Protein backbone atom coordinates (compact mmCIF):
# COMPACT_ATOMS: atom_id res chain seq x y z
CA MET A 1 -15.44 9.90 8.06
CA LEU A 2 -17.93 7.17 7.53
CA MET A 3 -17.10 6.83 3.78
CA LEU A 4 -13.38 6.67 4.59
CA THR A 5 -13.88 3.92 7.05
CA LEU A 6 -16.14 1.98 4.78
CA GLY A 7 -13.63 2.30 1.97
CA VAL A 8 -10.82 0.94 4.13
CA LEU A 9 -13.01 -1.93 5.34
CA LEU A 10 -14.15 -2.80 1.81
CA TRP A 11 -10.48 -2.75 0.62
CA SER A 12 -9.54 -5.10 3.42
CA PHE A 13 -12.40 -7.44 2.96
CA ALA A 14 -12.02 -7.66 -0.80
CA HIS A 15 -8.30 -8.39 -0.53
CA LEU A 16 -8.82 -11.03 2.33
CA PHE A 17 -12.00 -12.60 0.87
CA LYS A 18 -10.19 -15.31 -1.06
CA ARG A 19 -8.17 -16.25 2.01
CA LEU A 20 -10.96 -16.06 4.64
CA ALA A 21 -13.77 -17.59 2.60
CA PRO A 22 -11.94 -19.73 -0.04
CA ALA A 23 -14.95 -22.05 -0.66
CA VAL A 24 -17.29 -19.11 -1.27
CA ARG A 25 -14.82 -17.41 -3.52
CA GLU A 26 -14.18 -20.64 -5.40
CA GLY A 27 -17.94 -21.13 -5.81
CA MET A 28 -18.18 -17.76 -7.58
CA GLY A 29 -15.85 -18.86 -10.44
CA ASP A 30 -14.53 -16.29 -12.73
CA GLY A 31 -17.44 -13.90 -11.79
CA GLY A 32 -15.70 -13.63 -8.43
CA LYS A 33 -12.80 -11.83 -10.04
CA LEU A 34 -15.30 -9.14 -11.35
CA VAL A 35 -16.94 -8.87 -7.97
CA VAL A 36 -13.52 -8.32 -6.21
CA THR A 37 -12.35 -5.98 -8.83
CA LEU A 38 -15.59 -3.88 -8.61
CA ALA A 39 -15.24 -3.98 -4.70
CA LEU A 40 -11.58 -2.67 -4.99
CA ILE A 41 -12.67 0.08 -7.38
CA GLY A 42 -15.41 1.10 -5.10
CA SER A 43 -13.14 0.96 -2.00
CA ILE A 44 -10.61 3.38 -3.74
CA ALA A 45 -13.47 5.73 -4.61
CA LEU A 46 -14.77 5.56 -1.05
CA MET A 47 -11.33 6.17 0.43
CA THR A 48 -10.45 9.02 -1.88
CA SER A 49 -13.68 10.89 -1.57
CA GLY A 50 -13.87 10.08 2.25
CA TYR A 51 -10.39 11.28 2.97
CA GLN A 52 -10.93 14.52 1.02
CA SER A 53 -14.10 15.35 2.92
CA ALA A 54 -13.10 13.91 6.39
CA VAL A 55 -12.41 16.16 9.35
CA GLY A 56 -11.21 15.19 12.74
CA SER A 57 -8.90 15.96 15.61
CA ILE A 58 -5.26 16.88 14.88
CA TRP A 59 -2.55 15.44 17.17
CA TRP A 60 0.56 16.69 15.44
CA VAL A 61 1.67 18.60 12.49
CA ARG A 62 4.30 17.68 9.91
CA GLN A 63 7.87 18.34 10.90
CA PRO A 64 10.80 18.78 8.35
CA SER A 65 12.64 15.65 9.65
CA TRP A 66 9.42 13.58 9.34
CA VAL A 67 8.95 14.79 5.82
CA LEU A 68 12.40 13.54 4.89
CA LEU A 69 11.75 10.20 6.56
CA ASN A 70 8.34 9.93 4.79
CA ASN A 71 9.99 10.62 1.43
CA ALA A 72 12.63 7.96 2.06
CA LEU A 73 9.87 5.46 3.00
CA MET A 74 8.00 6.41 -0.11
CA VAL A 75 11.07 5.74 -2.27
CA LEU A 76 11.42 2.39 -0.60
CA ALA A 77 7.68 1.55 -1.05
CA LEU A 78 7.81 2.39 -4.65
CA TYR A 79 11.00 0.42 -5.18
CA LEU A 80 9.47 -2.61 -3.48
CA MET A 81 6.37 -2.43 -5.74
CA VAL A 82 8.58 -2.05 -8.85
CA ALA A 83 10.97 -4.83 -7.64
CA SER A 84 7.97 -7.19 -7.18
CA SER A 85 7.00 -6.81 -10.76
CA LEU A 86 10.53 -7.00 -12.20
CA LYS A 87 11.71 -9.76 -9.81
CA VAL A 88 14.97 -8.07 -8.96
CA ARG A 89 17.34 -9.15 -6.21
CA VAL A 90 15.40 -7.68 -3.20
CA THR A 91 12.42 -9.95 -3.97
CA GLY A 92 14.70 -12.80 -2.81
CA LEU A 93 15.26 -10.88 0.41
CA VAL A 94 11.79 -9.72 1.29
CA ARG A 95 9.03 -12.29 1.57
CA HIS A 96 6.04 -9.95 0.86
CA PRO A 97 7.47 -6.95 -1.07
CA GLN A 98 4.13 -5.46 -2.00
CA LEU A 99 2.69 -5.70 1.48
CA THR A 100 6.00 -4.50 2.92
CA ALA A 101 5.73 -1.47 0.48
CA ILE A 102 2.16 -0.70 1.82
CA LYS A 103 3.54 -0.79 5.39
CA ALA A 104 6.35 1.59 4.56
CA TRP A 105 3.99 3.83 2.71
CA SER A 106 1.49 3.84 5.58
CA VAL A 107 4.07 4.49 8.34
CA GLY A 108 5.62 7.39 6.28
CA HIS A 109 2.24 8.96 5.80
CA LEU A 110 1.33 8.62 9.47
CA LEU A 111 4.52 10.41 10.42
CA VAL A 112 3.54 13.55 8.50
CA ASN A 113 -0.20 13.42 8.93
CA GLY A 114 -1.27 13.46 12.57
CA ASP A 115 -4.92 13.84 12.05
CA ALA A 116 -7.90 11.48 12.57
CA PRO A 117 -8.73 10.89 8.89
CA SER A 118 -5.07 10.02 8.27
CA PHE A 119 -5.17 7.51 11.16
CA VAL A 120 -8.21 5.86 9.59
CA LEU A 121 -6.75 5.74 6.14
CA PHE A 122 -3.12 5.03 6.65
CA GLY A 123 -3.40 3.22 10.03
CA GLY A 124 -6.26 1.12 8.51
CA LEU A 125 -4.27 0.16 5.55
CA LEU A 126 -1.24 -0.58 7.73
CA ILE A 127 -3.34 -2.85 9.90
CA TRP A 128 -4.70 -4.57 6.71
CA ALA A 129 -1.15 -5.16 5.46
CA VAL A 130 -0.04 -6.59 8.72
CA VAL A 131 -3.03 -8.84 9.07
CA THR A 132 -2.68 -9.99 5.44
CA VAL A 133 1.01 -11.07 6.05
CA ILE A 134 -0.09 -12.93 9.10
CA VAL A 135 -2.90 -14.70 7.34
CA ILE A 136 -0.79 -15.65 4.37
CA ASN A 137 2.10 -16.93 6.56
CA ARG A 138 -0.30 -19.08 8.61
CA GLN A 139 -2.02 -20.58 5.50
CA ASP A 140 1.05 -20.98 3.33
CA GLY A 141 3.74 -21.31 5.87
CA LYS A 142 7.00 -19.60 5.31
CA PRO A 143 8.66 -21.24 2.23
CA ALA A 144 12.23 -20.45 1.42
CA LEU A 145 12.67 -17.20 -0.34
CA PRO A 146 13.52 -17.69 -4.11
CA SER A 147 17.02 -17.28 -5.28
CA ILE A 148 16.98 -14.34 -7.62
CA ASP A 149 19.74 -13.97 -10.08
CA THR A 150 19.05 -10.79 -12.07
CA SER A 151 21.22 -8.71 -14.31
CA LEU A 152 22.65 -5.23 -13.55
CA PRO A 153 20.65 -3.61 -16.32
CA ARG A 154 17.34 -5.00 -14.75
CA GLU A 155 18.44 -3.60 -11.21
CA VAL A 156 19.28 -0.23 -12.84
CA PHE A 157 15.92 -0.27 -14.66
CA ALA A 158 14.07 -0.85 -11.40
CA VAL A 159 15.81 2.14 -9.78
CA ILE A 160 15.01 4.36 -12.83
CA VAL A 161 11.38 3.27 -12.79
CA THR A 162 11.30 3.99 -9.06
CA GLY A 163 12.60 7.44 -9.58
CA ALA A 164 10.08 8.14 -12.35
CA LEU A 165 7.25 6.93 -10.18
CA TYR A 166 8.31 8.93 -7.27
CA PHE A 167 8.48 12.12 -9.45
CA GLY A 168 5.03 11.32 -10.82
CA VAL A 169 3.64 10.74 -7.33
CA ALA A 170 5.20 13.98 -6.07
CA GLN A 171 3.74 15.98 -9.03
CA ALA A 172 0.32 14.41 -8.36
CA HIS A 173 0.53 15.31 -4.65
CA ALA A 174 1.51 18.78 -5.45
CA TYR A 175 -1.29 19.18 -8.10
CA LEU A 176 -3.90 17.94 -5.36
CA GLY A 177 -2.50 20.41 -2.74
CA TYR A 178 -0.57 17.95 -0.69
CA PRO A 179 2.99 19.10 -0.35
CA VAL A 180 5.67 16.45 -0.56
CA HIS A 181 8.82 18.42 0.14
CA GLY A 182 7.73 20.99 2.65
């Protein structure tokens, strides 16, 4: 469980470093990007390996209705990630689409994984996303959301990409032994 916890903490620190220590990060110049990138790669390795080997208490088991809700939240999370890249209409409605996606992903996974390692991983990333939104809003304020005027083909493309990503994620989960639909 230590590797998992260290992975979540390293992920959080690496992402918040520029916001919490801007002078230090600025002083690192372009080399700082490499340091942060390596920290993020390391954090993903720690979280992945730590989650696979972690054991802990189980407070609940997955329920069919929670699986359905988790899958809906996953579609929403993937759509928000795609939308943030393609700048479709929803990005004019949601202030932090990628962080909102992480929050939806985390909540969904907590619903279907009631064990201690899942609390550390998904709960830790949920806390990171909430803290990050608070830090960003305090530092940058809440500027007006941009007016997004996109075309129907771009919106349809975002939905198609989301569907393809969901299919890929579901296949990867099945391959790794984590059932998505059952």
